[in-house]
C-alpha cells in the first residue's frame, strides 16, 4: 500500500506543474488568438512580392506580435516553407516550390530511364537516394528552418546534374546498341552545335 501511495504522490508531483503550465498556456492563447500562421500571413501580405528579406522573420516578429511578448521576443518561424513565404514573398515561395518540384521531376526521369536500361542502374539508385533526401527535407523543413542550408541546394543541384548525365549516358548507350545505317550517318543536323 505504501508503494501505491508513493507512486501516486510522485505522479501528482510531476503532473501538477505540467497542468499549471498547460493552463497558463491556454490562457495566453485565449488572450492572443492570433496564431503564428496568422502572424506569418500578415508578414507575407505586408510585402507580397519580395517579402521582408532574407532571415528577416525573427527581426520582424515583434512588430507583428499582438501578445505583448508573451511568447518571447524575436521568435522563429519553425518551418522552411513558412519562412520562405514570409522572407521572400509569394513570388519567391512559388519559385522555391517550382525548384523543389523540378528536382523531384529530374530524379523521376532518371529512375524511369534506369528502369528501361540496365546500363543506367547506378544512376537510378542515385536518383532514389536524392529523392529520399528531398523527402527528408520536406518533412524536416515543415518543422525546422533550413531553407538556406547549403546541403538542400547541393541536393537540388545534384539531382539536376544527375538527370543531365543520365540522359547523355542513355544517348551514348542507344547509339552503340543500334548503329546508324550509312545513309543516316552521313546526314548532319544543321542545328547541332
Protein backbone atom coordinates (compact mmCIF):
# COMPACT_ATOMS: atom_id res chain seq x y z
CA UNK A 1 0.00 0.00 0.00
CA UNK A 2 2.90 2.34 0.71
CA UNK A 3 4.31 1.70 -2.75
CA UNK A 4 0.99 2.66 -4.38
CA UNK A 5 0.80 5.85 -2.30
CA UNK A 6 4.41 6.69 -3.16
CA UNK A 7 3.77 6.33 -6.91
CA UNK A 8 0.55 8.38 -6.72
CA UNK A 9 2.33 11.16 -4.82
CA UNK A 10 5.18 11.13 -7.30
CA UNK A 11 2.78 11.16 -10.25
CA UNK A 12 0.94 14.16 -8.74
CA UNK A 13 4.24 15.95 -8.16
CA UNK A 14 5.03 15.62 -11.85
CA UNK A 15 1.52 16.34 -13.12
CA UNK A 16 0.82 19.46 -11.07
CA UNK A 17 3.47 21.73 -12.67
CA UNK A 18 2.62 20.40 -16.13
CA UNK A 19 -1.09 21.04 -15.65
CA UNK A 20 -0.35 24.52 -14.33
CA UNK A 21 1.83 25.29 -17.37
CA UNK A 22 -0.87 24.00 -19.73
CA UNK A 23 -3.50 26.17 -18.04
CA UNK A 24 -1.26 29.24 -18.31
CA UNK A 25 -0.52 28.48 -21.95
CA UNK A 26 -4.23 28.04 -22.73
CA UNK A 27 -4.96 31.37 -21.01
CA UNK A 28 -2.29 33.10 -23.13
CA UNK A 29 -3.78 31.58 -26.28
CA UNK A 30 -7.22 32.84 -25.31
CA UNK A 31 -5.77 36.31 -24.69
CA UNK A 32 -3.91 36.30 -28.04
CA UNK A 33 -5.81 34.19 -30.57
CA UNK A 34 -3.53 35.33 -33.40
CA UNK A 35 -1.53 32.22 -34.19
CA UNK A 36 1.95 32.05 -35.64
CA UNK A 37 0.44 31.23 -39.04
CA UNK A 38 -1.76 34.33 -38.86
CA UNK A 39 1.29 36.45 -37.99
CA UNK A 40 3.10 34.89 -40.91
CA UNK A 41 0.20 35.68 -43.26
CA UNK A 42 0.29 39.31 -42.09
CA UNK A 43 4.04 39.46 -42.76
CA UNK A 44 3.62 37.98 -46.23
CA UNK A 45 0.73 40.33 -47.01
CA UNK A 46 2.80 43.34 -45.93
CA UNK A 47 5.44 42.53 -48.57
CA UNK A 48 3.72 40.20 -51.05
CA UNK A 49 6.13 40.44 -53.99
CA UNK A 50 9.62 40.46 -52.49
CA UNK A 51 8.91 39.58 -48.86
CA UNK A 52 10.68 41.04 -45.88
CA UNK A 53 14.19 39.93 -46.87
CA UNK A 54 16.45 37.02 -46.10
CA UNK A 55 16.40 35.90 -42.44
CA UNK A 56 14.05 38.76 -41.56
CA UNK A 57 11.31 36.79 -39.81
CA UNK A 58 12.98 36.80 -36.39
CA UNK A 59 13.67 40.55 -36.55
CA UNK A 60 10.17 41.38 -37.81
CA UNK A 61 8.33 39.08 -35.38
CA UNK A 62 7.98 41.68 -32.62
CA UNK A 63 6.31 44.16 -34.98
CA UNK A 64 3.55 41.61 -35.74
CA UNK A 65 3.27 40.18 -32.22
CA UNK A 66 -0.05 41.15 -30.64
CA UNK A 67 0.59 39.23 -27.42
CA UNK A 68 2.92 41.86 -26.00
CA UNK A 69 5.86 39.46 -25.97
CA UNK A 70 4.08 36.70 -24.03
CA UNK A 71 5.90 34.07 -26.07
CA UNK A 72 9.24 35.87 -26.02
CA UNK A 73 10.91 38.27 -28.41
CA UNK A 74 12.25 37.51 -31.89
CA UNK A 75 10.56 34.14 -32.27
CA UNK A 76 11.49 31.80 -35.09
CA UNK A 77 9.10 30.64 -37.81
CA UNK A 78 9.84 26.90 -37.30
CA UNK A 79 9.11 25.94 -40.91
CA UNK A 80 11.22 26.32 -44.02
CA UNK A 81 8.13 26.77 -46.17
CA UNK A 82 6.56 29.45 -43.97
CA UNK A 83 9.98 31.09 -43.62
CA UNK A 84 10.35 31.37 -47.38
CA UNK A 85 6.84 32.78 -47.68
CA UNK A 86 7.45 35.49 -45.07
CA UNK A 87 11.01 36.28 -46.08
CA UNK A 88 10.92 36.27 -49.89
CA UNK A 89 7.21 36.75 -50.61
CA UNK A 90 4.70 34.92 -52.74
CA UNK A 91 6.80 35.09 -55.91
CA UNK A 92 9.85 33.70 -54.11
CA UNK A 93 7.75 30.99 -52.48
CA UNK A 94 6.35 29.94 -55.86
CA UNK A 95 9.86 29.82 -57.32
CA UNK A 96 11.08 27.82 -54.32
CA UNK A 97 8.33 25.22 -54.77
CA UNK A 98 9.00 25.03 -58.53
CA UNK A 99 12.72 24.42 -57.91
CA UNK A 100 11.99 21.60 -55.45
CA UNK A 101 9.42 20.12 -57.87
CA UNK A 102 11.97 20.25 -60.72
CA UNK A 103 14.48 18.37 -58.57
CA UNK A 104 11.87 15.66 -57.87
CA UNK A 105 10.93 15.54 -61.54
CA UNK A 106 14.58 15.18 -62.61
CA UNK A 107 15.04 12.26 -60.21
CA UNK A 108 11.86 10.65 -61.51
CA UNK A 109 13.08 10.91 -65.09
CA UNK A 110 16.38 9.28 -64.14
CA UNK A 111 14.56 6.46 -62.36
CA UNK A 112 12.42 5.80 -65.44
CA UNK A 113 15.49 5.81 -67.70
CA UNK A 114 17.26 3.40 -65.36
CA UNK A 115 14.22 1.12 -65.28
CA UNK A 116 14.28 0.83 -69.08
CA UNK A 117 18.04 0.46 -69.42
CA UNK A 118 20.19 -1.79 -67.20
CA UNK A 119 23.34 0.20 -68.01
CA UNK A 120 21.86 3.14 -66.07
CA UNK A 121 21.10 1.25 -62.85
CA UNK A 122 23.64 3.23 -60.83
CA UNK A 123 22.02 6.46 -61.96
CA UNK A 124 18.66 5.05 -60.84
CA UNK A 125 19.99 4.22 -57.39
CA UNK A 126 21.44 7.72 -57.07
CA UNK A 127 18.10 9.21 -58.11
CA UNK A 128 16.30 7.22 -55.42
CA UNK A 129 18.82 8.42 -52.81
CA UNK A 130 18.37 12.04 -53.86
CA UNK A 131 14.58 11.68 -53.80
CA UNK A 132 14.81 10.26 -50.28
CA UNK A 133 16.92 13.27 -49.29
CA UNK A 134 14.35 15.64 -50.76
CA UNK A 135 11.56 13.85 -48.91
CA UNK A 136 13.56 14.10 -45.68
CA UNK A 137 13.93 17.81 -46.31
CA UNK A 138 10.20 18.16 -46.96
CA UNK A 139 9.33 16.51 -43.67
CA UNK A 140 12.09 18.15 -41.66
CA UNK A 141 11.55 21.51 -43.34
CA UNK A 142 7.99 21.52 -42.06
CA UNK A 143 9.35 21.87 -38.51
CA UNK A 144 12.80 23.45 -38.83
CA UNK A 145 14.07 26.41 -40.78
CA UNK A 146 16.85 25.28 -43.08
CA UNK A 147 15.81 26.68 -46.42
CA UNK A 148 19.17 28.45 -46.64
CA UNK A 149 21.17 25.40 -45.62
CA UNK A 150 23.62 24.64 -48.41
CA UNK A 151 23.02 20.88 -48.30
CA UNK A 152 19.50 21.32 -49.66
CA UNK A 153 20.85 23.31 -52.59
CA UNK A 154 23.58 20.72 -53.19
CA UNK A 155 20.90 18.01 -53.37
CA UNK A 156 18.86 20.07 -55.82
CA UNK A 157 21.95 20.72 -57.95
CA UNK A 158 23.00 17.09 -57.85
CA UNK A 159 19.57 15.95 -58.99
CA UNK A 160 19.70 18.29 -61.99
CA UNK A 161 23.24 17.21 -62.90
CA UNK A 162 22.29 13.54 -62.42
CA UNK A 163 19.47 13.93 -64.91
CA UNK A 164 21.75 15.53 -67.47
CA UNK A 165 24.40 12.81 -67.06
CA UNK A 166 21.80 10.02 -67.25
CA UNK A 167 20.26 11.43 -70.43
CA UNK A 168 23.71 11.74 -72.01
CA UNK A 169 24.62 8.20 -70.97
CA UNK A 170 21.32 6.90 -72.33
CA UNK A 171 22.04 8.56 -75.68
CA UNK A 172 25.50 7.01 -75.73
CA UNK A 173 24.14 3.56 -74.89
CA UNK A 174 21.45 3.80 -77.55
CA UNK A 175 23.92 4.94 -80.20
CA UNK A 176 26.23 1.97 -79.51
CA UNK A 177 23.38 -0.55 -79.41
CA UNK A 178 21.82 0.48 -82.72
CA UNK A 179 24.44 1.62 -85.20
CA UNK A 180 23.18 4.02 -87.80
CA UNK A 181 22.84 2.96 -91.40
CA UNK A 182 25.46 4.54 -93.66
CA UNK A 183 22.89 6.85 -95.28
CA UNK A 184 21.77 8.17 -91.88
CA UNK A 185 25.31 8.54 -90.61
CA UNK A 186 26.13 10.97 -93.43
CA UNK A 187 23.19 13.26 -92.70
CA UNK A 188 24.18 16.12 -90.45
CA UNK A 189 21.90 18.13 -88.25
CA UNK A 190 22.19 21.80 -89.28
CA UNK A 191 21.05 22.90 -85.79
CA UNK A 192 23.65 20.84 -83.88
CA UNK A 193 26.43 22.82 -82.26
